[in-house]
């Protein structure tokens, strides 16, 4: 590249360049809004001044115990103040935050702890049974810190020799702010459910977290002082980066330890909630609440949801209840949502059928995403924008992961041709909006959680009575989708649906257990491959 006059004596320096990181958001919020409430958790309140001090004490204590750049700190926490503090305190050490899915079974948790080489594990007492078993199975021996929720005490056993508050007491409030040495440094590690028995570790960097967090603000129209209700698990893609987003606007986190209708409505009424995120199950909880649980809503609340597009009836009911639903789409590999169904005002005048068709689309890229397209994976050329030609949805830009931890082959495959291959199949409409048509890897999204059909099938195949199994997504009003298992039995063998459910519960996390079983001959191609699309078509045909 030839040099120009703008390349001479105009170098980067400390005065004109800083590494991008979401950690600066808390620094600013604590400076500008020190006495504003940052966190509400039951009767507990934590201001932005206190959030910064506690996050620095956490960083100081972890650093004193040897946590440094590139060390993994795993956390098994519910939506509590400690989880928000970890999103700042762990990266302040240069360490990498690994938020564990609280619904996983012990064997999977053990794999994650080993694969991520966890140096420290902060764990809520509620999850002690699964963590105790995981620690007995894994090779690593992390420092275990127990978190005892001060507002909602748990009865689970203590697994470590130190609790969270005692750890913070070891730290210094004047621990210096430390941003990343490079904005490309890892900030967090999230594990996908994947299509194999072992999940893949998705690595986020500071730059991407900074940009996606701000992208959330723009996409959701979040104002200064917004009040955000935590119904989305913070372990899921780092809560779609909202733990960092709220600091941008000096907003308030309202924590919910358990997502219940009465708690949701009470928080909305008591704290003036303006924004929330959640899977279709959260909408079902809101709409199906009893008259005793419901409260009057005197404002419009922005509700962001991902996964399958909500049915038209659900959207109408949510609007009537006081919620403006924004449909998002993304993957763990894109820091959560990176696509939004950007609604155009003139679409409100469409007839019901056309309106529903527009609402069913995933949409266009976030402002933080550089490129989004539907591409023929064979030619790596964009498919025609006709709303009919199917290709693979692909992403490129700063809010795409660094790659898969310790898995070069999977990383190279995911980034082949200069794009991130989502594995999702879709079409591109003439106006540039994408719409998903299928999932090439047969992932089932139930209640916002990814379920691998292959993993469920593997568990079923282990049953002595099962000759063949095929698991597909069955539409569900409450969960969006649930696994449905089609079973061929071995000659002379019998088994009941309840027996197979019990079998699956012994081998899988409970949310992965099929809700329905169908005993029948499986459709196959001439080469003997099971035709899953024919099984899914049975649901479309009723």
Protein backbone atom coordinates (compact mmCIF):
# COMPACT_ATOMS: atom_id res chain seq x y z
CA UNK A 1 0.00 0.00 0.00
CA UNK A 2 1.59 3.31 -1.08
CA UNK A 3 2.28 5.90 1.60
CA UNK A 4 0.31 9.16 1.56
CA UNK A 5 0.58 12.44 3.39
CA UNK A 6 -1.91 11.03 5.93
CA UNK A 7 0.50 8.27 6.84
CA UNK A 8 3.38 10.55 7.83
CA UNK A 9 3.93 11.58 11.44
CA UNK A 10 0.35 10.66 12.35
CA UNK A 11 1.02 7.56 14.40
CA UNK A 12 -1.02 5.98 17.16
CA UNK A 13 -0.07 7.05 20.65
CA UNK A 14 -1.45 7.02 24.18
CA UNK A 15 -3.27 10.28 23.58
CA UNK A 16 -5.19 9.25 20.47
CA UNK A 17 -5.72 5.48 20.70
CA UNK A 18 -7.13 3.11 23.31
CA UNK A 19 -8.00 -0.58 23.16
CA UNK A 20 -11.76 -1.13 22.97
CA UNK A 21 -13.23 -2.91 26.00
CA UNK A 22 -16.61 -2.88 27.77
CA UNK A 23 -14.77 -2.41 31.07
CA UNK A 24 -14.58 1.33 30.37
CA UNK A 25 -18.39 1.49 30.49
CA UNK A 26 -18.39 0.81 34.24
CA UNK A 27 -15.59 3.31 34.81
CA UNK A 28 -17.65 6.03 33.18
CA UNK A 29 -20.92 5.03 34.86
CA UNK A 30 -19.29 5.06 38.30
CA UNK A 31 -17.78 8.49 37.58
CA UNK A 32 -20.96 10.05 36.16
CA UNK A 33 -23.68 8.22 38.14
CA UNK A 34 -21.95 7.09 41.35
CA UNK A 35 -25.10 7.13 43.49
CA UNK A 36 -27.46 5.73 40.88
CA UNK A 37 -28.69 2.21 41.67
CA UNK A 38 -26.91 -0.25 39.39
CA UNK A 39 -28.32 -3.50 40.79
CA UNK A 40 -31.58 -4.46 42.48
CA UNK A 41 -31.84 -7.93 43.97
CA UNK A 42 -34.81 -8.37 46.26
CA UNK A 43 -34.20 -5.95 49.12
CA UNK A 44 -30.53 -5.49 48.13
CA UNK A 45 -29.33 -2.37 46.34
CA UNK A 46 -25.90 -1.68 44.83
CA UNK A 47 -24.92 1.68 43.35
CA UNK A 48 -22.51 2.20 40.48
CA UNK A 49 -19.89 3.40 42.97
CA UNK A 50 -20.30 0.14 44.89
CA UNK A 51 -20.35 -2.00 41.74
CA UNK A 52 -17.00 -0.56 40.68
CA UNK A 53 -15.48 -0.97 44.15
CA UNK A 54 -16.71 -4.54 44.53
CA UNK A 55 -15.56 -5.45 41.02
CA UNK A 56 -12.10 -4.03 41.78
CA UNK A 57 -11.94 -5.92 45.08
CA UNK A 58 -12.84 -9.10 43.21
CA UNK A 59 -10.11 -8.43 40.67
CA UNK A 60 -7.59 -7.64 43.41
CA UNK A 61 -8.40 -10.82 45.34
CA UNK A 62 -8.25 -13.02 42.25
CA UNK A 63 -4.97 -11.46 41.15
CA UNK A 64 -3.49 -12.04 44.59
CA UNK A 65 -4.44 -15.69 44.22
CA UNK A 66 -2.63 -15.95 40.93
CA UNK A 67 -5.25 -15.17 38.29
CA UNK A 68 -3.55 -13.40 35.39
CA UNK A 69 -3.96 -12.78 31.66
CA UNK A 70 -5.43 -15.81 29.93
CA UNK A 71 -6.49 -17.66 33.08
CA UNK A 72 -10.04 -19.03 33.11
CA UNK A 73 -12.41 -18.22 35.95
CA UNK A 74 -15.53 -20.38 35.71
CA UNK A 75 -18.75 -19.30 37.42
CA UNK A 76 -21.86 -21.36 38.14
CA UNK A 77 -24.24 -18.59 39.13
CA UNK A 78 -27.87 -17.60 38.81
CA UNK A 79 -28.90 -14.06 37.80
CA UNK A 80 -27.47 -12.45 40.93
CA UNK A 81 -25.30 -9.39 41.72
CA UNK A 82 -22.21 -11.62 41.88
CA UNK A 83 -22.70 -12.59 38.23
CA UNK A 84 -22.67 -8.93 37.17
CA UNK A 85 -19.60 -8.24 39.33
CA UNK A 86 -17.80 -11.17 37.71
CA UNK A 87 -18.40 -9.68 34.26
CA UNK A 88 -16.18 -6.78 35.32
CA UNK A 89 -13.93 -8.15 38.05
CA UNK A 90 -12.65 -11.20 36.16
CA UNK A 91 -11.63 -9.32 32.97
CA UNK A 92 -9.99 -6.61 35.13
CA UNK A 93 -7.36 -9.24 36.01
CA UNK A 94 -6.78 -10.06 32.36
CA UNK A 95 -8.56 -13.34 33.06
CA UNK A 96 -11.32 -14.93 30.99
CA UNK A 97 -14.86 -15.39 32.34
CA UNK A 98 -16.46 -18.78 31.66
CA UNK A 99 -20.16 -18.65 32.60
CA UNK A 100 -21.48 -22.19 33.06
CA UNK A 101 -24.97 -23.22 31.99
CA UNK A 102 -26.71 -24.04 35.27
CA UNK A 103 -28.88 -26.65 33.54
CA UNK A 104 -26.03 -28.90 32.38
CA UNK A 105 -25.32 -32.36 33.71
CA UNK A 106 -22.20 -33.12 35.74
CA UNK A 107 -20.32 -34.94 32.96
CA UNK A 108 -20.67 -31.97 30.58
CA UNK A 109 -19.67 -29.52 33.31
CA UNK A 110 -16.59 -31.64 34.04
CA UNK A 111 -15.62 -31.58 30.36
CA UNK A 112 -15.99 -27.78 30.26
CA UNK A 113 -13.91 -27.26 33.42
CA UNK A 114 -11.14 -29.43 31.97
CA UNK A 115 -11.29 -28.05 28.45
CA UNK A 116 -11.29 -24.44 29.66
CA UNK A 117 -8.56 -25.24 32.21
CA UNK A 118 -10.49 -23.47 34.97
CA UNK A 119 -8.18 -21.99 37.60
CA UNK A 120 -10.99 -20.71 39.83
CA UNK A 121 -14.62 -21.80 40.15
CA UNK A 122 -17.20 -19.54 41.80
CA UNK A 123 -20.35 -21.57 42.44
CA UNK A 124 -23.76 -20.89 43.92
CA UNK A 125 -24.76 -23.31 46.67
CA UNK A 126 -27.99 -24.13 44.80
CA UNK A 127 -25.93 -25.99 42.20
CA UNK A 128 -23.70 -27.86 44.66
CA UNK A 129 -24.91 -31.39 43.74
CA UNK A 130 -24.01 -31.09 40.05
CA UNK A 131 -20.77 -29.22 40.76
CA UNK A 132 -19.66 -31.73 43.41
CA UNK A 133 -20.04 -34.55 40.90
CA UNK A 134 -18.38 -32.52 38.14
CA UNK A 135 -15.37 -31.81 40.37
CA UNK A 136 -15.03 -35.53 41.08
CA UNK A 137 -14.98 -36.23 37.33
CA UNK A 138 -12.69 -33.47 36.03
CA UNK A 139 -8.91 -33.44 36.03
CA UNK A 140 -8.37 -29.77 36.91
CA UNK A 141 -8.43 -28.73 40.55
CA UNK A 142 -9.68 -25.14 40.59
CA UNK A 143 -9.89 -22.94 43.67
CA UNK A 144 -13.56 -23.31 44.63
CA UNK A 145 -15.41 -20.26 45.95
CA UNK A 146 -18.94 -20.71 47.32
CA UNK A 147 -21.53 -18.02 46.67
CA UNK A 148 -24.25 -17.80 49.31
CA UNK A 149 -27.01 -15.51 48.08
CA UNK A 150 -27.53 -13.01 50.93
CA UNK A 151 -31.11 -12.27 49.88
CA UNK A 152 -32.26 -15.78 48.99
CA UNK A 153 -30.06 -18.14 51.06
CA UNK A 154 -29.54 -21.62 49.67
CA UNK A 155 -29.30 -24.89 51.56
CA UNK A 156 -26.77 -26.60 49.29
CA UNK A 157 -23.50 -27.76 50.81
CA UNK A 158 -20.32 -25.70 50.71
CA UNK A 159 -17.75 -27.17 48.35
CA UNK A 160 -14.83 -24.79 48.94
CA UNK A 161 -12.98 -23.37 51.90
CA UNK A 162 -13.86 -19.76 51.10
CA UNK A 163 -17.07 -17.95 50.29
CA UNK A 164 -17.53 -15.09 47.85
CA UNK A 165 -17.80 -12.28 50.40
CA UNK A 166 -14.68 -13.53 52.19
CA UNK A 167 -12.86 -13.51 48.85
CA UNK A 168 -13.89 -9.90 48.22
CA UNK A 169 -12.74 -8.98 51.74
CA UNK A 170 -9.23 -10.04 50.70
CA UNK A 171 -9.24 -7.52 47.83
CA UNK A 172 -8.40 -3.83 47.74
CA UNK A 173 -10.89 -1.19 46.64
CA UNK A 174 -8.04 0.88 45.18
CA UNK A 175 -7.03 -1.95 42.86
CA UNK A 176 -6.00 -0.06 39.70
CA UNK A 177 -8.13 -0.17 36.58
CA UNK A 178 -6.57 -2.41 33.99
CA UNK A 179 -7.88 -2.67 30.46
CA UNK A 180 -6.70 -5.38 28.08
CA UNK A 181 -3.18 -5.29 26.66
CA UNK A 182 -4.87 -5.78 23.30
CA UNK A 183 -8.55 -5.48 22.41
CA UNK A 184 -8.15 -8.86 20.70
CA UNK A 185 -7.48 -10.42 24.11
CA UNK A 186 -10.10 -12.93 25.25
CA UNK A 187 -12.75 -11.62 27.64
CA UNK A 188 -15.05 -14.62 27.94
CA UNK A 189 -15.52 -18.28 27.06
CA UNK A 190 -18.96 -19.71 26.23
CA UNK A 191 -19.74 -23.30 25.33
CA UNK A 192 -22.16 -24.28 22.60
CA UNK A 193 -24.43 -27.27 22.86
CA UNK A 194 -23.11 -28.30 19.47
CA UNK A 195 -23.99 -31.38 17.46
CA UNK A 196 -21.46 -33.70 19.07
CA UNK A 197 -21.22 -35.10 22.57
CA UNK A 198 -18.64 -32.50 23.59
CA UNK A 199 -19.52 -28.80 23.29
CA UNK A 200 -17.20 -26.30 21.61
CA UNK A 201 -15.66 -23.38 23.49
CA UNK A 202 -16.48 -20.06 21.83
CA UNK A 203 -14.00 -17.29 22.64
CA UNK A 204 -15.07 -13.62 22.74
CA UNK A 205 -12.65 -10.68 22.65
CA UNK A 206 -12.87 -7.28 24.33
CA UNK A 207 -13.43 -5.44 21.04
CA UNK A 208 -16.43 -7.55 20.08
CA UNK A 209 -17.99 -7.33 23.54
CA UNK A 210 -17.57 -3.52 23.49
CA UNK A 211 -19.25 -3.21 20.09
CA UNK A 212 -22.09 -5.69 20.65
CA UNK A 213 -22.90 -4.12 24.02
CA UNK A 214 -23.34 -0.75 22.31
CA UNK A 215 -25.20 -2.39 19.44
CA UNK A 216 -27.75 -3.61 21.98
CA UNK A 217 -28.37 -0.04 23.09
CA UNK A 218 -29.07 1.14 19.55
CA UNK A 219 -31.17 -1.88 18.60
CA UNK A 220 -33.38 -1.76 21.68
CA UNK A 221 -33.65 2.03 21.87
CA UNK A 222 -32.39 1.90 25.44
CA UNK A 223 -32.42 5.39 27.03
CA UNK A 224 -30.31 6.85 29.83
CA UNK A 225 -31.37 5.29 33.11
CA UNK A 226 -33.12 2.29 31.53
CA UNK A 227 -34.36 -0.43 33.90
CA UNK A 228 -33.59 -3.95 32.67
CA UNK A 229 -35.26 -7.06 34.09
CA UNK A 230 -33.08 -10.20 34.00
CA UNK A 231 -35.25 -13.02 32.68
CA UNK A 232 -32.55 -14.06 30.19
CA UNK A 233 -29.87 -16.24 31.86
CA UNK A 234 -26.60 -14.33 32.14
CA UNK A 235 -24.77 -17.58 31.44
CA UNK A 236 -26.21 -17.56 27.91
CA UNK A 237 -23.78 -15.69 25.61
CA UNK A 238 -22.90 -13.48 28.59
CA UNK A 239 -26.55 -12.42 28.74
CA UNK A 240 -26.25 -11.25 25.12
CA UNK A 241 -23.67 -8.75 26.46
CA UNK A 242 -26.31 -6.80 28.41
CA UNK A 243 -24.30 -6.99 31.68
CA UNK A 244 -21.98 -4.53 29.91
CA UNK A 245 -24.69 -2.67 27.96
CA UNK A 246 -26.46 -1.32 31.05
CA UNK A 247 -23.37 0.57 32.17
CA UNK A 248 -23.36 2.52 28.88
CA UNK A 249 -26.63 4.23 29.86
CA UNK A 250 -26.23 4.05 33.63
CA UNK A 251 -29.14 1.65 33.72
CA UNK A 252 -30.42 -0.55 36.53
CA UNK A 253 -30.15 -4.34 36.55
CA UNK A 254 -33.16 -5.96 38.23
CA UNK A 255 -32.08 -9.51 39.08
CA UNK A 256 -34.47 -12.43 39.14
CA UNK A 257 -33.16 -15.58 40.71
CA UNK A 258 -36.11 -17.56 39.36
CA UNK A 259 -38.29 -16.59 36.42
CA UNK A 260 -41.84 -16.69 37.74
CA UNK A 261 -44.91 -14.76 36.58
CA UNK A 262 -45.58 -13.15 39.96
CA UNK A 263 -41.94 -12.02 40.30
CA UNK A 264 -41.92 -10.59 36.76
CA UNK A 265 -45.08 -8.55 37.24
CA UNK A 266 -44.02 -7.42 40.71
CA UNK A 267 -40.66 -6.20 39.39
CA UNK A 268 -42.32 -4.38 36.49
CA UNK A 269 -44.66 -2.56 38.84
CA UNK A 270 -42.18 -1.88 41.63
CA UNK A 271 -39.06 -0.90 39.68
CA UNK A 272 -40.39 0.68 36.49
CA UNK A 273 -38.92 -1.90 34.12
CA UNK A 274 -38.37 -0.58 30.59
CA UNK A 275 -36.54 -3.49 28.88
CA UNK A 276 -36.19 -7.25 29.12
CA UNK A 277 -35.07 -10.20 27.00
CA UNK A 278 -36.19 -13.79 26.91
CA UNK A 279 -36.99 -16.94 24.99
CA UNK A 280 -40.57 -17.76 23.94
CA UNK A 281 -41.09 -19.52 27.27
CA UNK A 282 -40.85 -16.16 29.06
CA UNK A 283 -43.62 -14.75 26.88
CA UNK A 284 -45.74 -17.79 27.75
CA UNK A 285 -45.11 -17.20 31.45
CA UNK A 286 -46.18 -13.56 31.11
CA UNK A 287 -49.30 -14.25 29.05
CA UNK A 288 -50.45 -17.30 31.01
CA UNK A 289 -50.13 -15.69 34.43
CA UNK A 290 -53.15 -15.90 36.67
CA UNK A 291 -55.27 -12.85 37.37
CA UNK A 292 -53.81 -12.77 40.88
CA UNK A 293 -50.27 -12.66 39.50
CA UNK A 294 -50.83 -10.03 36.81
CA UNK A 295 -50.36 -6.32 37.48
CA UNK A 296 -51.44 -3.35 35.40
CA UNK A 297 -48.67 -2.05 33.09
CA UNK A 298 -48.78 1.71 32.55
CA UNK A 299 -45.96 1.92 30.00
CA UNK A 300 -44.70 0.09 26.93
CA UNK A 301 -41.94 -2.38 27.75
CA UNK A 302 -39.43 -3.42 25.11
CA UNK A 303 -39.19 -7.22 25.01
CA UNK A 304 -36.37 -8.72 22.90
CA UNK A 305 -36.66 -12.35 21.92
CA UNK A 306 -34.58 -14.67 19.75
CA UNK A 307 -34.95 -18.22 18.41
CA UNK A 308 -38.03 -19.06 16.33
CA UNK A 309 -40.26 -16.07 15.44
CA UNK A 310 -43.19 -15.74 17.83
CA UNK A 311 -46.59 -16.81 16.45
CA UNK A 312 -48.85 -14.00 15.31
CA UNK A 313 -51.30 -14.62 18.16
CA UNK A 314 -48.52 -14.35 20.73
CA UNK A 315 -47.26 -11.07 19.24
CA UNK A 316 -50.78 -9.62 19.36
CA UNK A 317 -51.29 -10.77 22.95
CA UNK A 318 -47.93 -9.34 24.05
CA UNK A 319 -48.75 -6.00 22.43
CA UNK A 320 -52.11 -5.90 24.20
CA UNK A 321 -50.38 -6.72 27.50
CA UNK A 322 -48.04 -3.74 27.09
CA UNK A 323 -44.94 -5.28 25.47
CA UNK A 324 -43.30 -4.23 22.22
CA UNK A 325 -41.60 -7.39 20.91
CA UNK A 326 -38.35 -7.07 18.95
CA UNK A 327 -37.34 -10.24 17.12
CA UNK A 328 -33.57 -10.94 17.13
CA UNK A 329 -31.35 -13.68 15.71
CA UNK A 330 -27.81 -14.76 16.37
CA UNK A 331 -25.62 -17.53 17.67
CA UNK A 332 -23.19 -18.07 20.50
CA UNK A 333 -20.47 -17.43 17.92
CA UNK A 334 -21.83 -13.92 17.25
CA UNK A 335 -21.96 -12.79 20.91
CA UNK A 336 -25.67 -13.56 20.92
CA UNK A 337 -28.00 -11.47 18.72
CA UNK A 338 -26.42 -9.78 15.72
CA UNK A 339 -29.52 -9.63 13.48
CA UNK A 340 -32.75 -7.74 14.12
CA UNK A 341 -36.13 -7.67 12.42
CA UNK A 342 -35.85 -3.91 11.95
CA UNK A 343 -39.48 -2.93 11.76
CA UNK A 344 -40.53 -0.38 9.13
CA UNK A 345 -43.39 1.90 10.15
CA UNK A 346 -45.28 1.50 6.89
CA UNK A 347 -45.64 -2.24 7.55
CA UNK A 348 -48.20 -1.50 10.25
CA UNK A 349 -50.72 -0.76 7.47
CA UNK A 350 -50.33 -4.22 5.89
CA UNK A 351 -53.14 -6.75 6.02
CA UNK A 352 -52.86 -9.45 8.66
CA UNK A 353 -51.26 -12.05 6.36
CA UNK A 354 -48.62 -9.70 4.96
CA UNK A 355 -47.90 -8.27 8.42
CA UNK A 356 -47.33 -11.76 9.82
CA UNK A 357 -45.03 -12.60 6.88
CA UNK A 358 -42.85 -9.57 7.64
CA UNK A 359 -42.78 -10.47 11.34
CA UNK A 360 -41.61 -14.02 10.60
CA UNK A 361 -38.30 -12.86 9.12
CA UNK A 362 -35.05 -12.73 11.10
CA UNK A 363 -34.07 -9.40 9.56
CA UNK A 364 -30.95 -7.34 8.91
CA UNK A 365 -27.55 -6.99 10.56
CA UNK A 366 -26.88 -5.09 13.77
CA UNK A 367 -25.00 -1.84 13.25
CA UNK A 368 -22.06 -3.57 14.98
CA UNK A 369 -21.95 -6.38 12.38
CA UNK A 370 -20.00 -5.73 9.19
CA UNK A 371 -21.55 -8.24 6.78
CA UNK A 372 -24.54 -10.60 6.70
CA UNK A 373 -25.64 -12.64 3.70
CA UNK A 374 -27.17 -15.87 2.48
CA UNK A 375 -24.52 -17.70 0.51
CA UNK A 376 -24.24 -20.87 -1.56
CA UNK A 377 -21.66 -22.83 0.49
CA UNK A 378 -20.42 -24.62 -2.64
CA UNK A 379 -19.65 -21.52 -4.72
CA UNK A 380 -19.39 -19.03 -1.82
CA UNK A 381 -21.50 -16.62 -3.86
CA UNK A 382 -24.62 -14.86 -2.52
CA UNK A 383 -27.89 -16.51 -3.51
CA UNK A 384 -30.42 -14.47 -5.51
CA UNK A 385 -32.47 -12.06 -3.42
CA UNK A 386 -35.73 -13.71 -4.37
CA UNK A 387 -36.99 -15.00 -1.04
CA UNK A 388 -36.93 -18.53 -2.48
CA UNK A 389 -33.36 -19.69 -3.13
CA UNK A 390 -31.98 -21.41 -0.05
CA UNK A 391 -28.39 -20.92 1.07
CA UNK A 392 -26.42 -20.78 4.31
CA UNK A 393 -26.61 -17.71 6.52
CA UNK A 394 -23.11 -16.30 7.01
CA UNK A 395 -21.66 -13.49 9.14
CA UNK A 396 -18.49 -11.42 9.09
CA UNK A 397 -17.25 -8.62 11.32
CA UNK A 398 -16.08 -7.56 14.75
CA UNK A 399 -18.89 -9.32 16.61
CA UNK A 400 -17.91 -12.75 15.36
CA UNK A 401 -15.97 -14.93 17.82
CA UNK A 402 -12.19 -15.27 17.88
CA UNK A 403 -12.71 -18.97 17.25
CA UNK A 404 -13.19 -22.28 19.05
CA UNK A 405 -10.84 -22.88 21.97
CA UNK A 406 -8.20 -25.54 21.24
CA UNK A 407 -10.05 -26.64 18.10
CA UNK A 408 -8.24 -25.33 15.02
CA UNK A 409 -10.04 -27.69 12.66
CA UNK A 410 -13.49 -26.51 13.71
CA UNK A 411 -12.35 -22.87 13.65
CA UNK A 412 -10.93 -23.18 10.13
CA UNK A 413 -14.10 -24.86 8.92
CA UNK A 414 -16.31 -22.21 10.52
CA UNK A 415 -14.33 -19.37 8.87
CA UNK A 416 -13.80 -20.95 5.44
CA UNK A 417 -13.89 -18.43 2.60
CA UNK A 418 -13.73 -15.38 4.86
CA UNK A 419 -17.17 -15.86 6.40
CA UNK A 420 -18.49 -17.41 9.59
CA UNK A 421 -20.68 -20.33 8.52
CA UNK A 422 -23.72 -20.40 10.83
CA UNK A 423 -25.02 -23.79 9.71
CA UNK A 424 -28.48 -22.22 9.41
CA UNK A 425 -30.27 -22.37 6.08
CA UNK A 426 -32.33 -19.44 4.86
CA UNK A 427 -33.34 -17.13 2.05
CA UNK A 428 -32.65 -13.49 1.26
CA UNK A 429 -35.62 -11.33 0.42
CA UNK A 430 -35.44 -8.52 -2.19
CA UNK A 431 -35.34 -5.87 0.55
CA UNK A 432 -32.24 -7.44 2.16
CA UNK A 433 -34.01 -9.17 5.07
CA UNK A 434 -33.05 -12.77 5.74
CA UNK A 435 -35.44 -15.53 6.80
CA UNK A 436 -34.43 -18.90 8.22
CA UNK A 437 -35.85 -22.01 6.61
CA UNK A 438 -34.08 -24.86 8.38
CA UNK A 439 -31.14 -25.74 10.57
CA UNK A 440 -28.58 -27.75 8.70
CA UNK A 441 -27.32 -29.39 11.89
CA UNK A 442 -30.78 -30.21 13.25
CA UNK A 443 -30.32 -28.12 16.37
CA UNK A 444 -33.50 -27.82 18.43
CA UNK A 445 -34.04 -24.49 20.23
CA UNK A 446 -36.21 -25.08 23.29
CA UNK A 447 -36.81 -22.28 25.77
CA UNK A 448 -33.81 -20.43 24.31
CA UNK A 449 -31.47 -23.41 24.87
CA UNK A 450 -29.80 -25.33 22.05
CA UNK A 451 -30.38 -29.08 22.08
CA UNK A 452 -28.40 -31.39 19.83
CA UNK A 453 -30.62 -34.01 18.22
CA UNK A 454 -27.56 -36.22 17.81
CA UNK A 455 -26.81 -36.09 21.54
CA UNK A 456 -30.38 -37.11 22.39
CA UNK A 457 -30.31 -39.86 19.77
CA UNK A 458 -27.05 -41.19 21.20
CA UNK A 459 -28.69 -41.54 24.61
CA UNK A 460 -31.67 -43.34 23.12
CA UNK A 461 -29.49 -45.73 21.13
CA UNK A 462 -27.96 -46.92 24.40
CA UNK A 463 -31.30 -48.36 25.49
CA UNK A 464 -31.41 -52.11 24.78
CA UNK A 465 -34.88 -51.95 23.22
CA UNK A 466 -34.13 -49.15 20.74
CA UNK A 467 -33.05 -50.20 17.25
CA UNK A 468 -33.18 -46.78 15.60
CA UNK A 469 -33.99 -43.27 16.77
CA UNK A 470 -34.49 -39.90 15.10
CA UNK A 471 -35.05 -36.72 17.12
CA UNK A 472 -36.55 -33.61 15.55
CA UNK A 473 -38.01 -30.33 16.71
CA UNK A 474 -41.72 -30.34 17.47
CA UNK A 475 -43.43 -26.91 17.56
CA UNK A 476 -44.52 -25.97 21.07
CA UNK A 477 -46.53 -22.92 22.11
CA UNK A 478 -44.76 -22.63 25.46
CA UNK A 479 -41.15 -23.56 24.66
CA UNK A 480 -40.97 -22.62 20.97
CA UNK A 481 -39.75 -26.12 20.15
CA UNK A 482 -39.29 -29.37 22.07
CA UNK A 483 -37.52 -32.58 21.12
CA UNK A 484 -39.71 -35.33 19.71
CA UNK A 485 -38.24 -38.82 19.34
CA UNK A 486 -39.28 -41.28 16.63
CA UNK A 487 -38.38 -44.80 17.69
CA UNK A 488 -37.97 -48.16 15.97
CA UNK A 489 -37.82 -51.04 18.47
CA UNK A 490 -35.70 -54.14 18.26
CA UNK A 491 -37.63 -57.27 17.25
CA UNK A 492 -39.36 -58.83 20.21
CA UNK A 493 -38.56 -55.90 22.51
CA UNK A 494 -41.04 -53.55 24.19
CA UNK A 495 -40.63 -50.30 26.10
CA UNK A 496 -43.05 -47.58 27.17
CA UNK A 497 -42.78 -43.84 26.61
CA UNK A 498 -42.37 -43.25 30.34
CA UNK A 499 -39.55 -45.79 30.55
CA UNK A 500 -37.69 -44.04 27.74
CA UNK A 501 -38.19 -40.67 29.44
CA UNK A 502 -36.72 -42.07 32.65
CA UNK A 503 -33.81 -43.51 30.65
CA UNK A 504 -33.11 -40.13 29.03
CA UNK A 505 -33.25 -38.34 32.38
CA UNK A 506 -30.44 -40.62 33.57
CA UNK A 507 -28.25 -39.76 30.57
CA UNK A 508 -29.13 -36.16 29.69
CA UNK A 509 -29.82 -32.79 31.25
CA UNK A 510 -33.55 -32.77 31.95
CA UNK A 511 -34.37 -30.00 29.45
CA UNK A 512 -32.97 -32.20 26.67
CA UNK A 513 -35.35 -35.10 27.37
CA UNK A 514 -37.92 -35.58 24.56
CA UNK A 515 -41.41 -34.44 25.49
CA UNK A 516 -43.01 -36.84 23.00
CA UNK A 517 -42.23 -40.29 21.59
CA UNK A 518 -43.60 -41.84 18.41
CA UNK A 519 -43.13 -45.55 17.82
CA UNK A 520 -43.10 -46.18 14.08
CA UNK A 521 -41.01 -47.20 11.10
CA UNK A 522 -38.61 -44.43 10.12
CA UNK A 523 -38.62 -43.05 6.55
CA UNK A 524 -35.34 -43.64 4.71
CA UNK A 525 -33.59 -42.85 1.46
CA UNK A 526 -32.55 -45.59 -0.95
CA UNK A 527 -29.19 -45.70 0.84
CA UNK A 528 -30.82 -46.17 4.22
CA UNK A 529 -30.38 -42.62 5.59
CA UNK A 530 -33.23 -41.46 7.83
CA UNK A 531 -35.22 -38.63 6.25
CA UNK A 532 -35.78 -36.23 9.12
CA UNK A 533 -37.57 -33.70 6.96
CA UNK A 534 -40.41 -36.19 6.49
CA UNK A 535 -40.71 -36.51 10.26
CA UNK A 536 -40.88 -32.74 10.65
CA UNK A 537 -43.45 -32.56 7.86
CA UNK A 538 -45.79 -34.67 10.00
CA UNK A 539 -46.08 -31.73 12.42
CA UNK A 540 -46.82 -29.31 9.57
CA UNK A 541 -49.57 -31.64 8.41
CA UNK A 542 -51.01 -31.74 11.92
